[in-house]
């Protein structure tokens, strides 16, 4: 079966939201019930939220890598360093202790030196 377009997937999601039936949504879109279930599962709010969090962490890690370069720190104006450091300290204070938090704390300590 060819890959479904995003527009087709949106129609399937809309049909499912309207009918609350995998079978009816499959019939309306001439696809298998299993395909409807897969699309509904793929676009569930929980999975979407998880995907967004993972992507956000990837972006944060990229920024943290750049911010931790000593040449960037030395070249940045004091007000920008103070602002970045304040945000990091604020966010770290609200996080649970985990590996990412320990990495951020290490970065803050290296910036202070």
C-alpha atoms as a PDB file:
ATOM      1  CA  UNK A   1       0.000   0.000   0.000  1.00  0.00           C
ATOM      2  CA  UNK A   2       1.403   3.451  -0.879  1.00  0.00           C
ATOM      3  CA  UNK A   3       2.278   5.837   1.921  1.00  0.00           C
ATOM      4  CA  UNK A   4      -0.646   7.989   3.020  1.00  0.00           C
ATOM      5  CA  UNK A   5      -0.297  11.742   2.667  1.00  0.00           C
ATOM      6  CA  UNK A   6      -0.604  14.011   5.679  1.00  0.00           C
ATOM      7  CA  UNK A   7      -3.881  15.337   4.250  1.00  0.00           C
ATOM      8  CA  UNK A   8      -5.283  11.798   4.002  1.00  0.00           C
ATOM      9  CA  UNK A   9      -4.144  11.051   7.568  1.00  0.00           C
ATOM     10  CA  UNK A  10      -5.884  14.219   8.789  1.00  0.00           C
ATOM     11  CA  UNK A  11      -9.090  13.096   7.059  1.00  0.00           C
ATOM     12  CA  UNK A  12      -8.806   9.669   8.720  1.00  0.00           C
ATOM     13  CA  UNK A  13      -8.239  11.326  12.112  1.00  0.00           C
ATOM     14  CA  UNK A  14     -11.262  13.550  11.522  1.00  0.00           C
ATOM     15  CA  UNK A  15     -13.429  10.612  10.505  1.00  0.00           C
ATOM     16  CA  UNK A  16     -12.346   8.665  13.578  1.00  0.00           C
ATOM     17  CA  UNK A  17     -13.018  11.648  15.829  1.00  0.00           C
ATOM     18  CA  UNK A  18     -16.495  11.950  14.306  1.00  0.00           C
ATOM     19  CA  UNK A  19     -17.445   8.249  14.298  1.00  0.00           C
ATOM     20  CA  UNK A  20     -15.331   6.869  17.190  1.00  0.00           C
ATOM     21  CA  UNK A  21     -15.095   3.727  15.042  1.00  0.00           C
ATOM     22  CA  UNK A  22     -12.016   2.183  13.459  1.00  0.00           C
ATOM     23  CA  UNK A  23     -14.219   0.161  11.119  1.00  0.00           C
ATOM     24  CA  UNK A  24     -16.275   3.108   9.879  1.00  0.00           C
ATOM     25  CA  UNK A  25     -13.169   5.267   9.415  1.00  0.00           C
ATOM     26  CA  UNK A  26     -11.517   2.445   7.470  1.00  0.00           C
ATOM     27  CA  UNK A  27     -14.588   2.007   5.279  1.00  0.00           C
ATOM     28  CA  UNK A  28     -14.877   5.749   4.551  1.00  0.00           C
ATOM     29  CA  UNK A  29     -11.221   5.946   3.527  1.00  0.00           C
ATOM     30  CA  UNK A  30     -10.941   2.562   1.798  1.00  0.00           C
ATOM     31  CA  UNK A  31      -8.098   1.369   4.025  1.00  0.00           C
ATOM     32  CA  UNK A  32      -7.697  -1.442   6.537  1.00  0.00           C
ATOM     33  CA  UNK A  33      -8.818  -1.200  10.141  1.00  0.00           C
ATOM     34  CA  UNK A  34      -5.206  -1.892  11.147  1.00  0.00           C
ATOM     35  CA  UNK A  35      -4.069   1.174   9.169  1.00  0.00           C
ATOM     36  CA  UNK A  36      -6.631   3.354  10.941  1.00  0.00           C
ATOM     37  CA  UNK A  37      -5.508   2.014  14.319  1.00  0.00           C
ATOM     38  CA  UNK A  38      -1.871   2.707  13.440  1.00  0.00           C
ATOM     39  CA  UNK A  39      -2.640   6.301  12.408  1.00  0.00           C
ATOM     40  CA  UNK A  40      -4.742   6.961  15.519  1.00  0.00           C
ATOM     41  CA  UNK A  41      -1.986   5.517  17.717  1.00  0.00           C
ATOM     42  CA  UNK A  42       0.732   7.488  15.894  1.00  0.00           C
ATOM     43  CA  UNK A  43      -1.081  10.784  16.406  1.00  0.00           C
ATOM     44  CA  UNK A  44      -2.295  10.225  19.958  1.00  0.00           C
ATOM     45  CA  UNK A  45      -1.679  13.215  22.251  1.00  0.00           C
ATOM     46  CA  UNK A  46       0.574  11.150  24.517  1.00  0.00           C
ATOM     47  CA  UNK A  47       2.851  10.071  21.676  1.00  0.00           C
ATOM     48  CA  UNK A  48       2.834  13.574  20.177  1.00  0.00           C
ATOM     49  CA  UNK A  49       3.792  15.023  23.562  1.00  0.00           C
ATOM     50  CA  UNK A  50       6.622  12.510  23.937  1.00  0.00           C
ATOM     51  CA  UNK A  51       7.930  13.228  20.427  1.00  0.00           C
ATOM     52  CA  UNK A  52       7.861  16.977  21.135  1.00  0.00           C
ATOM     53  CA  UNK A  53       9.731  16.530  24.419  1.00  0.00           C
ATOM     54  CA  UNK A  54      12.391  14.393  22.741  1.00  0.00           C
ATOM     55  CA  UNK A  55      12.834  16.958  19.948  1.00  0.00           C
ATOM     56  CA  UNK A  56      12.981  19.791  22.493  1.00  0.00           C
ATOM     57  CA  UNK A  57      15.699  17.972  24.456  1.00  0.00           C
ATOM     58  CA  UNK A  58      17.693  17.452  21.240  1.00  0.00           C
ATOM     59  CA  UNK A  59      17.510  21.189  20.513  1.00  0.00           C
ATOM     60  CA  UNK A  60      18.385  22.097  24.103  1.00  0.00           C
ATOM     61  CA  UNK A  61      21.389  19.783  23.945  1.00  0.00           C
ATOM     62  CA  UNK A  62      22.579  21.493  20.739  1.00  0.00           C
ATOM     63  CA  UNK A  63      22.290  24.896  22.402  1.00  0.00           C
ATOM     64  CA  UNK A  64      24.027  23.646  25.529  1.00  0.00           C
ATOM     65  CA  UNK A  65      26.898  22.305  23.425  1.00  0.00           C
ATOM     66  CA  UNK A  66      27.301  25.705  21.780  1.00  0.00           C
ATOM     67  CA  UNK A  67      26.966  27.611  25.049  1.00  0.00           C
ATOM     68  CA  UNK A  68      29.626  25.484  26.693  1.00  0.00           C
ATOM     69  CA  UNK A  69      32.319  26.490  24.185  1.00  0.00           C
ATOM     70  CA  UNK A  70      34.776  28.765  25.948  1.00  0.00           C
ATOM     71  CA  UNK A  71      35.244  30.990  22.896  1.00  0.00           C
ATOM     72  CA  UNK A  72      31.485  31.669  22.845  1.00  0.00           C
ATOM     73  CA  UNK A  73      31.488  32.525  26.532  1.00  0.00           C
ATOM     74  CA  UNK A  74      34.485  34.844  26.170  1.00  0.00           C
ATOM     75  CA  UNK A  75      32.951  36.610  23.161  1.00  0.00           C
ATOM     76  CA  UNK A  76      29.506  37.142  24.708  1.00  0.00           C
ATOM     77  CA  UNK A  77      28.613  40.453  26.380  1.00  0.00           C
ATOM     78  CA  UNK A  78      28.276  40.302  30.155  1.00  0.00           C
ATOM     79  CA  UNK A  79      24.533  41.031  30.111  1.00  0.00           C
ATOM     80  CA  UNK A  80      23.910  38.046  27.812  1.00  0.00           C
ATOM     81  CA  UNK A  81      26.027  35.758  29.984  1.00  0.00           C
ATOM     82  CA  UNK A  82      24.192  36.896  33.099  1.00  0.00           C
ATOM     83  CA  UNK A  83      20.822  36.370  31.435  1.00  0.00           C
ATOM     84  CA  UNK A  84      21.728  32.890  30.144  1.00  0.00           C
ATOM     85  CA  UNK A  85      23.159  31.879  33.488  1.00  0.00           C
ATOM     86  CA  UNK A  86      20.082  33.135  35.328  1.00  0.00           C
ATOM     87  CA  UNK A  87      17.759  31.159  33.072  1.00  0.00           C
ATOM     88  CA  UNK A  88      19.860  28.013  33.488  1.00  0.00           C
ATOM     89  CA  UNK A  89      19.950  28.336  37.267  1.00  0.00           C
ATOM     90  CA  UNK A  90      16.191  28.953  37.371  1.00  0.00           C
ATOM     91  CA  UNK A  91      15.403  25.947  35.189  1.00  0.00           C
ATOM     92  CA  UNK A  92      17.827  23.644  36.971  1.00  0.00           C
ATOM     93  CA  UNK A  93      16.216  24.571  40.278  1.00  0.00           C
ATOM     94  CA  UNK A  94      12.876  23.329  38.965  1.00  0.00           C
ATOM     95  CA  UNK A  95      14.149  20.058  37.480  1.00  0.00           C
ATOM     96  CA  UNK A  96      14.340  16.694  39.130  1.00  0.00           C
ATOM     97  CA  UNK A  97      17.808  15.261  39.763  1.00  0.00           C
ATOM     98  CA  UNK A  98      18.708  13.238  36.701  1.00  0.00           C
ATOM     99  CA  UNK A  99      21.563  12.911  34.241  1.00  0.00           C
ATOM    100  CA  UNK A 100      20.540  15.960  32.204  1.00  0.00           C
ATOM    101  CA  UNK A 101      20.348  18.083  35.352  1.00  0.00           C
ATOM    102  CA  UNK A 102      23.796  16.960  36.435  1.00  0.00           C
ATOM    103  CA  UNK A 103      25.162  17.904  32.998  1.00  0.00           C
ATOM    104  CA  UNK A 104      23.612  21.370  33.266  1.00  0.00           C
ATOM    105  CA  UNK A 105      24.960  21.858  36.789  1.00  0.00           C
ATOM    106  CA  UNK A 106      28.435  20.899  35.535  1.00  0.00           C
ATOM    107  CA  UNK A 107      28.098  23.424  32.730  1.00  0.00           C
ATOM    108  CA  UNK A 108      27.036  26.177  35.175  1.00  0.00           C
ATOM    109  CA  UNK A 109      29.965  25.383  37.437  1.00  0.00           C
ATOM    110  CA  UNK A 110      32.374  25.531  34.483  1.00  0.00           C
ATOM    111  CA  UNK A 111      30.934  28.907  33.438  1.00  0.00           C
ATOM    112  CA  UNK A 112      31.391  30.294  36.956  1.00  0.00           C
ATOM    113  CA  UNK A 113      35.111  29.430  36.859  1.00  0.00           C
END
